[in-house]
Each structure stands twice: as structure tokens, then as C-alpha cells.
Amino acid sequence: MGRPHHRRRSRPQENDWETLRGLRETGKSILIVANKVDKIRKTKTAARLRELQVLFGHHKVIPYSSEKEIGRRELAAEILGEP
């Protein structure tokens, strides 16, 4: 038996866009959390985050990794409304 195949989702899927459309209809602020950012090669991280920002327009994108504790403070500050 070989290694298990793990599907990497590097692009938003149709159900992601459906969810975003539904959230936009609420009129509330939307925060995009780019989870597992530590799994992206460091040389490609900045470009990937720029791409996500373009895809999601004016919604804020926060890079996040619970494993590496990336973005934890920024995410908490956004959720709690702290500067």
C-alpha cells in the first residue's frame, strides 16, 4: 500500500462561492481565513495570498495556521473587534 492520497484545495470550489454569495446577502462583514497557510511553499505564500485577495475583492483575507500559530492574534483581533 502506498501513501494515502490527500486532495489539496488550492482554489476556492463552487460550494465556497455559494457560501460567499449567501453571506454577502446578509450585508454583514465577511472575513476570509486562509487556513493551512503553512502548507504552501514559503516562496509561493505571498503570491497565493495576493491571488486570494483579488478573488475575494474587498473582503479581508487573513493567513492562518493553527499548527504554526500564524495569524492567530490577527484573527482574534478581527473577531473581537480589537485594533
C-alpha atoms as a PDB file:
ATOM      1  CA  MET A   1       0.000   0.000   0.000  1.00  0.00           C
ATOM      2  CA  GLY A   2       1.265   3.466  -0.892  1.00  0.00           C
ATOM      3  CA  ARG A   3       0.863   6.732   0.888  1.00  0.00           C
ATOM      4  CA  PRO A   4      -2.710   7.959   1.304  1.00  0.00           C
ATOM      5  CA  HIS A   5      -3.750  10.494  -1.290  1.00  0.00           C
ATOM      6  CA  HIS A   6      -4.688  13.852   0.179  1.00  0.00           C
ATOM      7  CA  ARG A   7      -6.533  16.222  -2.092  1.00  0.00           C
ATOM      8  CA  ARG A   8      -5.177  19.717  -1.778  1.00  0.00           C
ATOM      9  CA  ARG A   9      -7.646  22.519  -2.237  1.00  0.00           C
ATOM     10  CA  SER A  10      -5.635  25.410  -3.501  1.00  0.00           C
ATOM     11  CA  ARG A  11      -8.518  27.175  -5.222  1.00  0.00           C
ATOM     12  CA  PRO A  12     -11.991  28.033  -3.951  1.00  0.00           C
ATOM     13  CA  GLN A  13     -14.549  25.435  -5.012  1.00  0.00           C
ATOM     14  CA  GLU A  14     -18.105  26.072  -6.213  1.00  0.00           C
ATOM     15  CA  ASN A  15     -19.528  25.442  -2.732  1.00  0.00           C
ATOM     16  CA  ASP A  16     -17.142  28.116  -1.376  1.00  0.00           C
ATOM     17  CA  TRP A  17     -18.558  30.631  -3.851  1.00  0.00           C
ATOM     18  CA  GLU A  18     -22.133  29.608  -2.977  1.00  0.00           C
ATOM     19  CA  THR A  19     -21.381  30.168   0.696  1.00  0.00           C
ATOM     20  CA  LEU A  20     -19.817  33.549  -0.050  1.00  0.00           C
ATOM     21  CA  ARG A  21     -22.843  34.613  -2.107  1.00  0.00           C
ATOM     22  CA  GLY A  22     -25.132  33.660   0.762  1.00  0.00           C
ATOM     23  CA  LEU A  23     -23.004  35.545   3.269  1.00  0.00           C
ATOM     24  CA  ARG A  24     -22.939  38.643   1.060  1.00  0.00           C
ATOM     25  CA  GLU A  25     -26.733  38.674   1.082  1.00  0.00           C
ATOM     26  CA  THR A  26     -26.677  39.162   4.860  1.00  0.00           C
ATOM     27  CA  GLY A  27     -24.941  42.518   4.461  1.00  0.00           C
ATOM     28  CA  LYS A  28     -22.535  41.693   7.271  1.00  0.00           C
ATOM     29  CA  SER A  29     -18.756  41.948   7.222  1.00  0.00           C
ATOM     30  CA  ILE A  30     -17.026  38.911   5.786  1.00  0.00           C
ATOM     31  CA  LEU A  31     -13.596  37.730   6.840  1.00  0.00           C
ATOM     32  CA  ILE A  32     -11.769  35.155   4.725  1.00  0.00           C
ATOM     33  CA  VAL A  33      -9.445  32.869   6.703  1.00  0.00           C
ATOM     34  CA  ALA A  34      -6.808  31.246   4.502  1.00  0.00           C
ATOM     35  CA  ASN A  35      -6.313  28.137   6.632  1.00  0.00           C
ATOM     36  CA  LYS A  36      -3.270  25.846   6.496  1.00  0.00           C
ATOM     37  CA  VAL A  37      -1.111  28.620   5.077  1.00  0.00           C
ATOM     38  CA  ASP A  38       1.904  26.749   6.468  1.00  0.00           C
ATOM     39  CA  LYS A  39       1.328  24.053   3.826  1.00  0.00           C
ATOM     40  CA  ILE A  40       2.124  26.481   0.997  1.00  0.00           C
ATOM     41  CA  ARG A  41       5.764  26.714  -0.031  1.00  0.00           C
ATOM     42  CA  LYS A  42       7.259  29.857   1.501  1.00  0.00           C
ATOM     43  CA  THR A  43       8.339  31.077  -1.927  1.00  0.00           C
ATOM     44  CA  LYS A  44       4.693  30.999  -3.074  1.00  0.00           C
ATOM     45  CA  THR A  45       2.865  32.220   0.032  1.00  0.00           C
ATOM     46  CA  ALA A  46       2.826  35.959  -0.769  1.00  0.00           C
ATOM     47  CA  ALA A  47       1.691  35.391  -4.352  1.00  0.00           C
ATOM     48  CA  ARG A  48      -1.039  32.981  -3.240  1.00  0.00           C
ATOM     49  CA  LEU A  49      -2.350  35.427  -0.650  1.00  0.00           C
ATOM     50  CA  ARG A  50      -2.413  38.226  -3.257  1.00  0.00           C
ATOM     51  CA  GLU A  51      -4.352  35.912  -5.561  1.00  0.00           C
ATOM     52  CA  LEU A  52      -6.887  35.189  -2.822  1.00  0.00           C
ATOM     53  CA  GLN A  53      -7.252  38.899  -2.085  1.00  0.00           C
ATOM     54  CA  VAL A  54      -8.011  39.557  -5.758  1.00  0.00           C
ATOM     55  CA  LEU A  55     -10.503  36.653  -5.852  1.00  0.00           C
ATOM     56  CA  PHE A  56     -12.358  37.795  -2.745  1.00  0.00           C
ATOM     57  CA  GLY A  57     -12.267  41.518  -3.518  1.00  0.00           C
ATOM     58  CA  HIS A  58     -12.774  43.900  -0.645  1.00  0.00           C
ATOM     59  CA  HIS A  59     -13.145  41.147   1.973  1.00  0.00           C
ATOM     60  CA  LYS A  60     -10.175  40.915   4.295  1.00  0.00           C
ATOM     61  CA  VAL A  61      -8.036  37.773   3.922  1.00  0.00           C
ATOM     62  CA  ILE A  62      -6.116  36.539   6.970  1.00  0.00           C
ATOM     63  CA  PRO A  63      -3.435  33.878   6.515  1.00  0.00           C
ATOM     64  CA  TYR A  64      -3.817  31.279   9.266  1.00  0.00           C
ATOM     65  CA  SER A  65      -2.182  28.129  10.619  1.00  0.00           C
ATOM     66  CA  SER A  66      -3.109  26.714  13.999  1.00  0.00           C
ATOM     67  CA  GLU A  67      -0.173  24.328  13.832  1.00  0.00           C
ATOM     68  CA  LYS A  68       2.411  27.105  13.323  1.00  0.00           C
ATOM     69  CA  GLU A  69       0.358  29.764  15.170  1.00  0.00           C
ATOM     70  CA  ILE A  70       0.329  32.024  12.129  1.00  0.00           C
ATOM     71  CA  GLY A  71      -2.384  34.694  12.115  1.00  0.00           C
ATOM     72  CA  ARG A  72      -3.831  33.744  15.489  1.00  0.00           C
ATOM     73  CA  ARG A  73      -3.561  37.215  17.007  1.00  0.00           C
ATOM     74  CA  GLU A  74      -4.802  38.968  13.885  1.00  0.00           C
ATOM     75  CA  LEU A  75      -7.796  36.633  13.629  1.00  0.00           C
ATOM     76  CA  ALA A  76      -8.644  37.063  17.315  1.00  0.00           C
ATOM     77  CA  ALA A  77      -8.384  40.844  16.988  1.00  0.00           C
ATOM     78  CA  GLU A  78     -10.742  40.831  13.979  1.00  0.00           C
ATOM     79  CA  ILE A  79     -13.283  38.616  15.720  1.00  0.00           C
ATOM     80  CA  LEU A  80     -13.151  40.576  18.963  1.00  0.00           C
ATOM     81  CA  GLY A  81     -13.084  43.957  17.222  1.00  0.00           C
ATOM     82  CA  GLU A  82      -9.735  44.956  18.676  1.00  0.00           C
ATOM     83  CA  PRO A  83      -7.426  47.401  16.882  1.00  0.00           C
END
